Amino acid sequence: MEEPAIRRPIGGTSVLKRQLQHLLELGQDESMVIRLLPNSVDWDPGYAGPFSIFEMPDPFSPVAFTETLAGRTFLEEDSKVRRFRETYDCLERLALNPQATAEFIMNELKDL
């Protein structure tokens, strides 16, 4: 997630505090990975919006999914799925690791 998402107090400060505490709790679950893309990153390769990549066992190929105001789109063509995978890999390189993300969120909580 991007840094502005954890700073935007929609619903007020008390709601934001509960949300941040919930993120920290979720981050303790081994099946969940929470990573933050800080504002210090010059360029966000995910600027075009959220997406998911579904990877399934053989014989099924990966599928990319995105949803915009124009509707839902499932992409199965290898070259298009590859673009989403490359974007995901780049976001993963730029984002804080899970420990640094948790520390960042804890600092935000202290500042509230």
PDB file of N, CA and C in Angstrom:
ATOM      1  N   MET A   1       0.841  -1.162   0.000  1.00  0.00           N
ATOM      2  CA  MET A   1       0.000   0.000   0.000  1.00  0.00           C
ATOM      3  C   MET A   1       0.888   1.227   0.000  1.00  0.00           C
ATOM      4  N   GLU A   2       0.319   2.341  -0.433  1.00  0.00           N
ATOM      5  CA  GLU A   2       1.082   3.581  -0.493  1.00  0.00           C
ATOM      6  C   GLU A   2       0.980   4.343   0.825  1.00  0.00           C
ATOM      7  N   GLU A   3       2.009   5.098   1.136  1.00  0.00           N
ATOM      8  CA  GLU A   3       2.067   5.846   2.387  1.00  0.00           C
ATOM      9  C   GLU A   3       0.848   6.737   2.624  1.00  0.00           C
ATOM     10  N   PRO A   4       0.336   7.457   1.633  1.00  0.00           N
ATOM     11  CA  PRO A   4      -0.831   8.299   1.907  1.00  0.00           C
ATOM     12  C   PRO A   4      -2.035   7.520   2.454  1.00  0.00           C
ATOM     13  N   ALA A   5      -2.122   6.248   2.149  1.00  0.00           N
ATOM     14  CA  ALA A   5      -3.251   5.447   2.628  1.00  0.00           C
ATOM     15  C   ALA A   5      -3.231   5.291   4.147  1.00  0.00           C
ATOM     16  N   ILE A   6      -2.058   5.357   4.758  1.00  0.00           N
ATOM     17  CA  ILE A   6      -2.018   5.210   6.217  1.00  0.00           C
ATOM     18  C   ILE A   6      -1.975   6.563   6.919  1.00  0.00           C
ATOM     19  N   ARG A   7      -2.024   7.622   6.162  1.00  0.00           N
ATOM     20  CA  ARG A   7      -2.020   8.964   6.753  1.00  0.00           C
ATOM     21  C   ARG A   7      -3.369   9.670   6.583  1.00  0.00           C
ATOM     22  N   ARG A   8      -4.218   9.154   5.741  1.00  0.00           N
ATOM     23  CA  ARG A   8      -5.489   9.799   5.416  1.00  0.00           C
ATOM     24  C   ARG A   8      -6.518   9.447   6.491  1.00  0.00           C
ATOM     25  N   PRO A   9      -6.935  10.421   7.317  1.00  0.00           N
ATOM     26  CA  PRO A   9      -7.822  10.125   8.443  1.00  0.00           C
ATOM     27  C   PRO A   9      -9.309  10.120   8.066  1.00  0.00           C
ATOM     28  N   ILE A  10      -9.669   9.335   7.097  1.00  0.00           N
ATOM     29  CA  ILE A  10     -11.081   9.233   6.719  1.00  0.00           C
ATOM     30  C   ILE A  10     -11.829   8.609   7.895  1.00  0.00           C
ATOM     31  N   GLY A  11     -12.846   9.298   8.372  1.00  0.00           N
ATOM     32  CA  GLY A  11     -13.583   8.816   9.532  1.00  0.00           C
ATOM     33  C   GLY A  11     -13.049   9.372  10.841  1.00  0.00           C
ATOM     34  N   GLY A  12     -11.967  10.119  10.777  1.00  0.00           N
ATOM     35  CA  GLY A  12     -11.398  10.727  11.977  1.00  0.00           C
ATOM     36  C   GLY A  12     -10.176   9.993  12.492  1.00  0.00           C
ATOM     37  N   THR A  13      -9.517  10.625  13.429  1.00  0.00           N
ATOM     38  CA  THR A  13      -8.273  10.087  13.972  1.00  0.00           C
ATOM     39  C   THR A  13      -8.479   8.770  14.698  1.00  0.00           C
ATOM     40  N   SER A  14      -9.593   8.644  15.440  1.00  0.00           N
ATOM     41  CA  SER A  14      -9.811   7.397  16.192  1.00  0.00           C
ATOM     42  C   SER A  14      -9.990   6.214  15.243  1.00  0.00           C
ATOM     43  N   VAL A  15     -10.644   6.448  14.107  1.00  0.00           N
ATOM     44  CA  VAL A  15     -10.812   5.378  13.116  1.00  0.00           C
ATOM     45  C   VAL A  15      -9.460   5.019  12.521  1.00  0.00           C
ATOM     46  N   LEU A  16      -8.669   6.023  12.187  1.00  0.00           N
ATOM     47  CA  LEU A  16      -7.347   5.777  11.625  1.00  0.00           C
ATOM     48  C   LEU A  16      -6.479   4.980  12.595  1.00  0.00           C
ATOM     49  N   LYS A  17      -6.527   5.324  13.867  1.00  0.00           N
ATOM     50  CA  LYS A  17      -5.745   4.584  14.867  1.00  0.00           C
ATOM     51  C   LYS A  17      -6.137   3.110  14.877  1.00  0.00           C
ATOM     52  N   ARG A  18      -7.438   2.842  14.881  1.00  0.00           N
ATOM     53  CA  ARG A  18      -7.898   1.448  14.891  1.00  0.00           C
ATOM     54  C   ARG A  18      -7.464   0.722  13.622  1.00  0.00           C
ATOM     55  N   GLN A  19      -7.522   1.422  12.499  1.00  0.00           N
ATOM     56  CA  GLN A  19      -7.099   0.800  11.245  1.00  0.00           C
ATOM     57  C   GLN A  19      -5.614   0.451  11.272  1.00  0.00           C
ATOM     58  N   LEU A  20      -4.798   1.363  11.761  1.00  0.00           N
ATOM     59  CA  LEU A  20      -3.358   1.108  11.827  1.00  0.00           C
ATOM     60  C   LEU A  20      -3.052  -0.028  12.796  1.00  0.00           C
ATOM     61  N   GLN A  21      -3.749  -0.068  13.935  1.00  0.00           N
ATOM     62  CA  GLN A  21      -3.556  -1.165  14.879  1.00  0.00           C
ATOM     63  C   GLN A  21      -3.959  -2.490  14.241  1.00  0.00           C
ATOM     64  N   HIS A  22      -5.039  -2.457  13.464  1.00  0.00           N
ATOM     65  CA  HIS A  22      -5.482  -3.670  12.783  1.00  0.00           C
ATOM     66  C   HIS A  22      -4.435  -4.133  11.760  1.00  0.00           C
ATOM     67  N   LEU A  23      -3.847  -3.200  11.032  1.00  0.00           N
ATOM     68  CA  LEU A  23      -2.787  -3.564  10.087  1.00  0.00           C
ATOM     69  C   LEU A  23      -1.620  -4.240  10.807  1.00  0.00           C
ATOM     70  N   LEU A  24      -1.248  -3.694  11.957  1.00  0.00           N
ATOM     71  CA  LEU A  24      -0.154  -4.306  12.723  1.00  0.00           C
ATOM     72  C   LEU A  24      -0.524  -5.720  13.166  1.00  0.00           C
ATOM     73  N   GLU A  25      -1.761  -5.921  13.570  1.00  0.00           N
ATOM     74  CA  GLU A  25      -2.209  -7.260  13.962  1.00  0.00           C
ATOM     75  C   GLU A  25      -2.182  -8.216  12.766  1.00  0.00           C
ATOM     76  N   LEU A  26      -2.679  -7.743  11.626  1.00  0.00           N
ATOM     77  CA  LEU A  26      -2.667  -8.582  10.426  1.00  0.00           C
ATOM     78  C   LEU A  26      -1.245  -8.960  10.029  1.00  0.00           C
ATOM     79  N   GLY A  27      -0.314  -8.034  10.217  1.00  0.00           N
ATOM     80  CA  GLY A  27       1.073  -8.284   9.870  1.00  0.00           C
ATOM     81  C   GLY A  27       1.722  -9.383  10.702  1.00  0.00           C
ATOM     82  N   GLN A  28       1.105  -9.736  11.820  1.00  0.00           N
ATOM     83  CA  GLN A  28       1.617 -10.822  12.657  1.00  0.00           C
ATOM     84  C   GLN A  28       1.235 -12.195  12.110  1.00  0.00           C
ATOM     85  N   ASP A  29       0.247 -12.233  11.250  1.00  0.00           N
ATOM     86  CA  ASP A  29      -0.217 -13.485  10.644  1.00  0.00           C
ATOM     87  C   ASP A  29       0.792 -13.899   9.566  1.00  0.00           C
ATOM     88  N   GLU A  30       1.311 -15.110   9.667  1.00  0.00           N
ATOM     89  CA  GLU A  30       2.335 -15.574   8.727  1.00  0.00           C
ATOM     90  C   GLU A  30       1.831 -15.671   7.290  1.00  0.00           C
ATOM     91  N   SER A  31       0.520 -15.742   7.116  1.00  0.00           N
ATOM     92  CA  SER A  31      -0.034 -15.840   5.756  1.00  0.00           C
ATOM     93  C   SER A  31      -0.247 -14.464   5.136  1.00  0.00           C
ATOM     94  N   MET A  32       0.061 -13.402   5.880  1.00  0.00           N
ATOM     95  CA  MET A  32      -0.183 -12.038   5.419  1.00  0.00           C
ATOM     96  C   MET A  32       1.135 -11.280   5.353  1.00  0.00           C
ATOM     97  N   VAL A  33       1.345 -10.558   4.268  1.00  0.00           N
ATOM     98  CA  VAL A  33       2.529  -9.709   4.146  1.00  0.00           C
ATOM     99  C   VAL A  33       2.044  -8.291   3.859  1.00  0.00           C
ATOM    100  N   ILE A  34       2.446  -7.366   4.718  1.00  0.00           N
ATOM    101  CA  ILE A  34       2.069  -5.966   4.539  1.00  0.00           C
ATOM    102  C   ILE A  34       3.330  -5.183   4.264  1.00  0.00           C
ATOM    103  N   ARG A  35       3.309  -4.457   3.136  1.00  0.00           N
ATOM    104  CA  ARG A  35       4.475  -3.661   2.744  1.00  0.00           C
ATOM    105  C   ARG A  35       4.008  -2.282   2.318  1.00  0.00           C
ATOM    106  N   LEU A  36       4.805  -1.294   2.645  1.00  0.00           N
ATOM    107  CA  LEU A  36       4.456   0.096   2.389  1.00  0.00           C
ATOM    108  C   LEU A  36       5.362   0.687   1.321  1.00  0.00           C
ATOM    109  N   LEU A  37       4.756   1.389   0.381  1.00  0.00           N
ATOM    110  CA  LEU A  37       5.511   2.128  -0.621  1.00  0.00           C
ATOM    111  C   LEU A  37       5.609   3.563  -0.107  1.00  0.00           C
ATOM    112  N   PRO A  38       6.789   3.974   0.359  1.00  0.00           N
ATOM    113  CA  PRO A  38       6.913   5.299   0.974  1.00  0.00           C
ATOM    114  C   PRO A  38       6.870   6.436  -0.046  1.00  0.00           C
ATOM    115  N   ASN A  39       6.519   7.616   0.437  1.00  0.00           N
ATOM    116  CA  ASN A  39       6.482   8.804  -0.419  1.00  0.00           C
ATOM    117  C   ASN A  39       7.846   9.134  -1.004  1.00  0.00           C
ATOM    118  N   SER A  40       8.903   8.655  -0.374  1.00  0.00           N
ATOM    119  CA  SER A  40      10.254   8.958  -0.854  1.00  0.00           C
ATOM    120  C   SER A  40      10.567   8.285  -2.187  1.00  0.00           C
ATOM    121  N   VAL A  41       9.741   7.334  -2.608  1.00  0.00           N
ATOM    122  CA  VAL A  41       9.936   6.690  -3.909  1.00  0.00           C
ATOM    123  C   VAL A  41       9.547   7.706  -4.984  1.00  0.00           C
ATOM    124  N   ASP A  42      10.466   7.969  -5.892  1.00  0.00           N
ATOM    125  CA  ASP A  42      10.229   8.990  -6.910  1.00  0.00           C
ATOM    126  C   ASP A  42       9.103   8.632  -7.877  1.00  0.00           C
ATOM    127  N   TRP A  43       9.002   7.358  -8.210  1.00  0.00           N
ATOM    128  CA  TRP A  43       8.044   6.945  -9.220  1.00  0.00           C
ATOM    129  C   TRP A  43       7.344   5.687  -8.760  1.00  0.00           C
ATOM    130  N   ASP A  44       6.030   5.677  -8.909  1.00  0.00           N
ATOM    131  CA  ASP A  44       5.231   4.532  -8.497  1.00  0.00           C
ATOM    132  C   ASP A  44       4.830   3.742  -9.735  1.00  0.00           C
ATOM    133  N   PRO A  45       5.428   2.571  -9.933  1.00  0.00           N
ATOM    134  CA  PRO A  45       5.091   1.791 -11.124  1.00  0.00           C
ATOM    135  C   PRO A  45       3.661   1.270 -11.114  1.00  0.00           C
ATOM    136  N   GLY A  46       2.974   1.375  -9.988  1.00  0.00           N
ATOM    137  CA  GLY A  46       1.589   0.940  -9.920  1.00  0.00           C
ATOM    138  C   GLY A  46       0.611   2.100 -10.043  1.00  0.00           C
ATOM    139  N   TYR A  47       1.092   3.215 -10.604  1.00  0.00           N
ATOM    140  CA  TYR A  47       0.283   4.427 -10.707  1.00  0.00           C
ATOM    141  C   TYR A  47      -1.050   4.217 -11.411  1.00  0.00           C
ATOM    142  N   ALA A  48      -1.141   3.219 -12.265  1.00  0.00           N
ATOM    143  CA  ALA A  48      -2.356   3.011 -13.047  1.00  0.00           C
ATOM    144  C   ALA A  48      -3.486   2.395 -12.230  1.00  0.00           C
ATOM    145  N   GLY A  49      -3.191   1.980 -11.014  1.00  0.00           N
ATOM    146  CA  GLY A  49      -4.245   1.463 -10.150  1.00  0.00           C
ATOM    147  C   GLY A  49      -3.981   0.060  -9.657  1.00  0.00           C
ATOM    148  N   PRO A  50      -4.860  -0.414  -8.781  1.00  0.00           N
ATOM    149  CA  PRO A  50      -4.669  -1.728  -8.174  1.00  0.00           C
ATOM    150  C   PRO A  50      -4.886  -2.868  -9.161  1.00  0.00           C
ATOM    151  N   PHE A  51      -4.230  -3.969  -8.874  1.00  0.00           N
ATOM    152  CA  PHE A  51      -4.377  -5.159  -9.707  1.00  0.00           C
ATOM    153  C   PHE A  51      -4.059  -6.389  -8.878  1.00  0.00           C
ATOM    154  N   SER A  52      -4.465  -7.519  -9.381  1.00  0.00           N
ATOM    155  CA  SER A  52      -4.160  -8.808  -8.753  1.00  0.00           C
ATOM    156  C   SER A  52      -3.624  -9.740  -9.820  1.00  0.00           C
ATOM    157  N   ILE A  53      -2.782 -10.656  -9.404  1.00  0.00           N
ATOM    158  CA  ILE A  53      -2.299 -11.703 -10.307  1.00  0.00           C
ATOM    159  C   ILE A  53      -2.685 -13.028  -9.664  1.00  0.00           C
ATOM    160  N   PHE A  54      -3.444 -13.814 -10.392  1.00  0.00           N
ATOM    161  CA  PHE A  54      -3.865 -15.116  -9.900  1.00  0.00           C
ATOM    162  C   PHE A  54      -2.966 -16.171 -10.517  1.00  0.00           C
ATOM    163  N   GLU A  55      -2.282 -16.914  -9.671  1.00  0.00           N
ATOM    164  CA  GLU A  55      -1.416 -17.987 -10.146  1.00  0.00           C
ATOM    165  C   GLU A  55      -2.010 -19.300  -9.669  1.00  0.00           C
ATOM    166  N   MET A  56      -2.236 -20.177 -10.613  1.00  0.00           N
ATOM    167  CA  MET A  56      -2.896 -21.442 -10.324  1.00  0.00           C
ATOM    168  C   MET A  56      -2.002 -22.604 -10.745  1.00  0.00           C
ATOM    169  N   PRO A  57      -2.283 -23.784 -10.240  1.00  0.00           N
ATOM    170  CA  PRO A  57      -1.450 -24.936 -10.612  1.00  0.00           C
ATOM    171  C   PRO A  57      -1.632 -25.296 -12.086  1.00  0.00           C
ATOM    172  N   ASP A  58      -0.641 -26.010 -12.635  1.00  0.00           N
ATOM    173  CA  ASP A  58      -0.733 -26.486 -14.014  1.00  0.00           C
ATOM    174  C   ASP A  58      -2.008 -27.291 -14.173  1.00  0.00           C
ATOM    175  N   PRO A  59      -2.635 -27.190 -15.261  1.00  0.00           N
ATOM    176  CA  PRO A  59      -2.240 -26.637 -16.551  1.00  0.00           C
ATOM    177  C   PRO A  59      -2.674 -25.187 -16.759  1.00  0.00           C
ATOM    178  N   PHE A  60      -3.102 -24.498 -15.702  1.00  0.00           N
ATOM    179  CA  PHE A  60      -3.635 -23.147 -15.845  1.00  0.00           C
ATOM    180  C   PHE A  60      -2.531 -22.102 -15.851  1.00  0.00           C
ATOM    181  N   SER A  61      -2.685 -21.117 -16.707  1.00  0.00           N
ATOM    182  CA  SER A  61      -1.722 -20.016 -16.795  1.00  0.00           C
ATOM    183  C   SER A  61      -2.132 -18.909 -15.827  1.00  0.00           C
ATOM    184  N   PRO A  62      -1.180 -18.053 -15.429  1.00  0.00           N
ATOM    185  CA  PRO A  62      -1.524 -16.919 -14.568  1.00  0.00           C
ATOM    186  C   PRO A  62      -2.508 -15.982 -15.267  1.00  0.00           C
ATOM    187  N   VAL A  63      -3.304 -15.299 -14.460  1.00  0.00           N
ATOM    188  CA  VAL A  63      -4.282 -14.336 -14.960  1.00  0.00           C
ATOM    189  C   VAL A  63      -4.106 -13.048 -14.174  1.00  0.00           C
ATOM    190  N   ALA A  64      -4.105 -11.921 -14.875  1.00  0.00           N
ATOM    191  CA  ALA A  64      -4.056 -10.616 -14.214  1.00  0.00           C
ATOM    192  C   ALA A  64      -5.478 -10.062 -14.177  1.00  0.00           C
ATOM    193  N   PHE A  65      -5.789  -9.362 -13.094  1.00  0.00           N
ATOM    194  CA  PHE A  65      -7.120  -8.793 -12.914  1.00  0.00           C
ATOM    195  C   PHE A  65      -6.982  -7.347 -12.486  1.00  0.00           C
ATOM    196  N   THR A  66      -7.773  -6.486 -13.089  1.00  0.00           N
ATOM    197  CA  THR A  66      -7.808  -5.092 -12.682  1.00  0.00           C
ATOM    198  C   THR A  66      -9.247  -4.604 -12.765  1.00  0.00           C
ATOM    199  N   GLU A  67      -9.565  -3.626 -11.937  1.00  0.00           N
ATOM    200  CA  GLU A  67     -10.911  -3.068 -11.932  1.00  0.00           C
ATOM    201  C   GLU A  67     -10.807  -1.554 -11.924  1.00  0.00           C
ATOM    202  N   THR A  68     -11.506  -0.934 -12.848  1.00  0.00           N
ATOM    203  CA  THR A  68     -11.521   0.525 -12.958  1.00  0.00           C
ATOM    204  C   THR A  68     -12.966   0.985 -13.086  1.00  0.00           C
ATOM    205  N   LEU A  69     -13.162   2.256 -13.277  1.00  0.00           N
ATOM    206  CA  LEU A  69     -14.508   2.777 -13.501  1.00  0.00           C
ATOM    207  C   LEU A  69     -15.120   2.201 -14.779  1.00  0.00           C
ATOM    208  N   ALA A  70     -14.275   1.735 -15.671  1.00  0.00           N
ATOM    209  CA  ALA A  70     -14.753   1.142 -16.928  1.00  0.00           C
ATOM    210  C   ALA A  70     -15.190  -0.299 -16.747  1.00  0.00           C
ATOM    211  N   GLY A  71     -14.898  -0.886 -15.602  1.00  0.00           N
ATOM    212  CA  GLY A  71     -15.313  -2.257 -15.346  1.00  0.00           C
ATOM    213  C   GLY A  71     -14.160  -3.160 -14.950  1.00  0.00           C
ATOM    214  N   ARG A  72     -14.479  -4.436 -14.851  1.00  0.00           N
ATOM    215  CA  ARG A  72     -13.494  -5.458 -14.474  1.00  0.00           C
ATOM    216  C   ARG A  72     -12.862  -6.059 -15.721  1.00  0.00           C
ATOM    217  N   THR A  73     -11.558  -6.330 -15.611  1.00  0.00           N
ATOM    218  CA  THR A  73     -10.856  -6.906 -16.748  1.00  0.00           C
ATOM    219  C   THR A  73      -9.969  -8.049 -16.269  1.00  0.00           C
ATOM    220  N   PHE A  74     -10.113  -9.184 -16.916  1.00  0.00           N
ATOM    221  CA  PHE A  74      -9.232 -10.328 -16.697  1.00  0.00           C
ATOM    222  C   PHE A  74      -8.343 -10.454 -17.919  1.00  0.00           C
ATOM    223  N   LEU A  75      -7.043 -10.540 -17.708  1.00  0.00           N
ATOM    224  CA  LEU A  75      -6.083 -10.625 -18.806  1.00  0.00           C
ATOM    225  C   LEU A  75      -5.350 -11.957 -18.726  1.00  0.00           C
ATOM    226  N   GLU A  76      -5.391 -12.685 -19.814  1.00  0.00           N
ATOM    227  CA  GLU A  76      -4.759 -14.007 -19.838  1.00  0.00           C
ATOM    228  C   GLU A  76      -3.573 -14.082 -20.794  1.00  0.00           C
ATOM    229  N   GLU A  77      -3.469 -13.133 -21.690  1.00  0.00           N
ATOM    230  CA  GLU A  77      -2.387 -13.135 -22.678  1.00  0.00           C
ATOM    231  C   GLU A  77      -1.042 -13.002 -21.955  1.00  0.00           C
ATOM    232  N   ASP A  78      -0.109 -13.880 -22.279  1.00  0.00           N
ATOM    233  CA  ASP A  78       1.179 -13.929 -21.576  1.00  0.00           C
ATOM    234  C   ASP A  78       1.875 -12.571 -21.501  1.00  0.00           C
ATOM    235  N   SER A  79       1.901 -11.829 -22.610  1.00  0.00           N
ATOM    236  CA  SER A  79       2.619 -10.552 -22.614  1.00  0.00           C
ATOM    237  C   SER A  79       1.962  -9.537 -21.683  1.00  0.00           C
ATOM    238  N   LYS A  80       0.658  -9.575 -21.569  1.00  0.00           N
ATOM    239  CA  LYS A  80      -0.038  -8.639 -20.684  1.00  0.00           C
ATOM    240  C   LYS A  80       0.133  -9.039 -19.221  1.00  0.00           C
ATOM    241  N   VAL A  81       0.036 -10.319 -18.943  1.00  0.00           N
ATOM    242  CA  VAL A  81       0.254 -10.791 -17.580  1.00  0.00           C
ATOM    243  C   VAL A  81       1.692 -10.488 -17.166  1.00  0.00           C
ATOM    244  N   ARG A  82       2.630 -10.639 -18.086  1.00  0.00           N
ATOM    245  CA  ARG A  82       4.040 -10.362 -17.798  1.00  0.00           C
ATOM    246  C   ARG A  82       4.229  -8.889 -17.370  1.00  0.00           C
ATOM    247  N   ARG A  83       3.509  -7.954 -18.006  1.00  0.00           N
ATOM    248  CA  ARG A  83       3.609  -6.536 -17.621  1.00  0.00           C
ATOM    249  C   ARG A  83       3.165  -6.329 -16.179  1.00  0.00           C
ATOM    250  N   PHE A  84       2.095  -6.995 -15.792  1.00  0.00           N
ATOM    251  CA  PHE A  84       1.628  -6.891 -14.410  1.00  0.00           C
ATOM    252  C   PHE A  84       2.639  -7.524 -13.455  1.00  0.00           C
ATOM    253  N   ARG A  85       3.210  -8.651 -13.831  1.00  0.00           N
ATOM    254  CA  ARG A  85       4.217  -9.314 -12.996  1.00  0.00           C
ATOM    255  C   ARG A  85       5.438  -8.417 -12.835  1.00  0.00           C
ATOM    256  N   GLU A  86       5.891  -7.784 -13.916  1.00  0.00           N
ATOM    257  CA  GLU A  86       7.036  -6.885 -13.847  1.00  0.00           C
ATOM    258  C   GLU A  86       6.738  -5.685 -12.955  1.00  0.00           C
ATOM    259  N   THR A  87       5.519  -5.165 -13.046  1.00  0.00           N
ATOM    260  CA  THR A  87       5.120  -4.052 -12.192  1.00  0.00           C
ATOM    261  C   THR A  87       5.114  -4.478 -10.734  1.00  0.00           C
ATOM    262  N   TYR A  88       4.567  -5.657 -10.462  1.00  0.00           N
ATOM    263  CA  TYR A  88       4.535  -6.179  -9.094  1.00  0.00           C
ATOM    264  C   TYR A  88       5.960  -6.350  -8.557  1.00  0.00           C
ATOM    265  N   ASP A  89       6.840  -6.926  -9.353  1.00  0.00           N
ATOM    266  CA  ASP A  89       8.222  -7.138  -8.928  1.00  0.00           C
ATOM    267  C   ASP A  89       8.910  -5.814  -8.618  1.00  0.00           C
ATOM    268  N   CYS A  90       8.640  -4.798  -9.435  1.00  0.00           N
ATOM    269  CA  CYS A  90       9.228  -3.475  -9.206  1.00  0.00           C
ATOM    270  C   CYS A  90       8.685  -2.865  -7.916  1.00  0.00           C
ATOM    271  N   LEU A  91       7.372  -2.965  -7.700  1.00  0.00           N
ATOM    272  CA  LEU A  91       6.779  -2.460  -6.462  1.00  0.00           C
ATOM    273  C   LEU A  91       7.377  -3.157  -5.246  1.00  0.00           C
ATOM    274  N   GLU A  92       7.602  -4.454  -5.374  1.00  0.00           N
ATOM    275  CA  GLU A  92       8.173  -5.222  -4.273  1.00  0.00           C
ATOM    276  C   GLU A  92       9.597  -4.753  -3.948  1.00  0.00           C
ATOM    277  N   ARG A  93      10.365  -4.407  -4.976  1.00  0.00           N
ATOM    278  CA  ARG A  93      11.730  -3.908  -4.756  1.00  0.00           C
ATOM    279  C   ARG A  93      11.724  -2.533  -4.087  1.00  0.00           C
ATOM    280  N   LEU A  94      10.738  -1.694  -4.434  1.00  0.00           N
ATOM    281  CA  LEU A  94      10.690  -0.324  -3.934  1.00  0.00           C
ATOM    282  C   LEU A  94      10.070  -0.205  -2.545  1.00  0.00           C
ATOM    283  N   ALA A  95       9.204  -1.128  -2.188  1.00  0.00           N
ATOM    284  CA  ALA A  95       8.478  -1.044  -0.918  1.00  0.00           C
ATOM    285  C   ALA A  95       9.382  -1.393   0.260  1.00  0.00           C
ATOM    286  N   LEU A  96       9.014  -0.867   1.405  1.00  0.00           N
ATOM    287  CA  LEU A  96       9.708  -1.225   2.640  1.00  0.00           C
ATOM    288  C   LEU A  96       9.469  -2.701   2.930  1.00  0.00           C
ATOM    289  N   ASN A  97      10.423  -3.345   3.567  1.00  0.00           N
ATOM    290  CA  ASN A  97      10.211  -4.745   3.949  1.00  0.00           C
ATOM    291  C   ASN A  97       9.149  -4.793   5.060  1.00  0.00           C
ATOM    292  N   PRO A  98       8.608  -5.973   5.364  1.00  0.00           N
ATOM    293  CA  PRO A  98       7.540  -6.053   6.369  1.00  0.00           C
ATOM    294  C   PRO A  98       7.919  -5.470   7.738  1.00  0.00           C
ATOM    295  N   GLN A  99       9.146  -5.695   8.196  1.00  0.00           N
ATOM    296  CA  GLN A  99       9.575  -5.159   9.492  1.00  0.00           C
ATOM    297  C   GLN A  99       9.616  -3.633   9.461  1.00  0.00           C
ATOM    298  N   ALA A 100      10.211  -3.074   8.417  1.00  0.00           N
ATOM    299  CA  ALA A 100      10.281  -1.607   8.300  1.00  0.00           C
ATOM    300  C   ALA A 100       8.884  -1.016   8.144  1.00  0.00           C
ATOM    301  N   THR A 101       8.002  -1.730   7.464  1.00  0.00           N
ATOM    302  CA  THR A 101       6.615  -1.272   7.322  1.00  0.00           C
ATOM    303  C   THR A 101       5.944  -1.218   8.692  1.00  0.00           C
ATOM    304  N   ALA A 102       6.119  -2.268   9.493  1.00  0.00           N
ATOM    305  CA  ALA A 102       5.516  -2.290  10.835  1.00  0.00           C
ATOM    306  C   ALA A 102       6.060  -1.148  11.687  1.00  0.00           C
ATOM    307  N   GLU A 103       7.354  -0.902  11.605  1.00  0.00           N
ATOM    308  CA  GLU A 103       7.957   0.196  12.359  1.00  0.00           C
ATOM    309  C   GLU A 103       7.395   1.540  11.907  1.00  0.00           C
ATOM    310  N   PHE A 104       7.220   1.700  10.606  1.00  0.00           N
ATOM    311  CA  PHE A 104       6.658   2.934  10.063  1.00  0.00           C
ATOM    312  C   PHE A 104       5.243   3.146  10.603  1.00  0.00           C
ATOM    313  N   ILE A 105       4.438   2.094  10.581  1.00  0.00           N
ATOM    314  CA  ILE A 105       3.059   2.185  11.063  1.00  0.00           C
ATOM    315  C   ILE A 105       3.050   2.487  12.568  1.00  0.00           C
ATOM    316  N   MET A 106       3.927   1.863  13.342  1.00  0.00           N
ATOM    317  CA  MET A 106       4.000   2.143  14.776  1.00  0.00           C
ATOM    318  C   MET A 106       4.353   3.598  15.035  1.00  0.00           C
ATOM    319  N   ASN A 107       5.263   4.142  14.242  1.00  0.00           N
ATOM    320  CA  ASN A 107       5.618   5.563  14.386  1.00  0.00           C
ATOM    321  C   ASN A 107       4.442   6.466  14.050  1.00  0.00           C
ATOM    322  N   GLU A 108       3.683   6.091  13.048  1.00  0.00           N
ATOM    323  CA  GLU A 108       2.490   6.871  12.702  1.00  0.00           C
ATOM    324  C   GLU A 108       1.496   6.853  13.852  1.00  0.00           C
ATOM    325  N   LEU A 109       1.331   5.688  14.469  1.00  0.00           N
ATOM    326  CA  LEU A 109       0.425   5.588  15.621  1.00  0.00           C
ATOM    327  C   LEU A 109       0.874   6.491  16.765  1.00  0.00           C
ATOM    328  N   LYS A 110       2.179   6.519  17.023  1.00  0.00           N
ATOM    329  CA  LYS A 110       2.703   7.368  18.101  1.00  0.00           C
ATOM    330  C   LYS A 110       2.425   8.847  17.816  1.00  0.00           C
ATOM    331  N   ASP A 111       2.508   9.217  16.536  1.00  0.00           N
ATOM    332  CA  ASP A 111       2.306  10.619  16.152  1.00  0.00           C
ATOM    333  C   ASP A 111       0.841  11.044  16.207  1.00  0.00           C
ATOM    334  N   LEU A 112      -0.063  10.060  16.227  1.00  0.00           N
ATOM    335  CA  LEU A 112      -1.489  10.404  16.294  1.00  0.00           C
ATOM    336  C   LEU A 112      -1.829  10.717  17.714  1.00  0.00           C
TER     337      LEU A 112
END
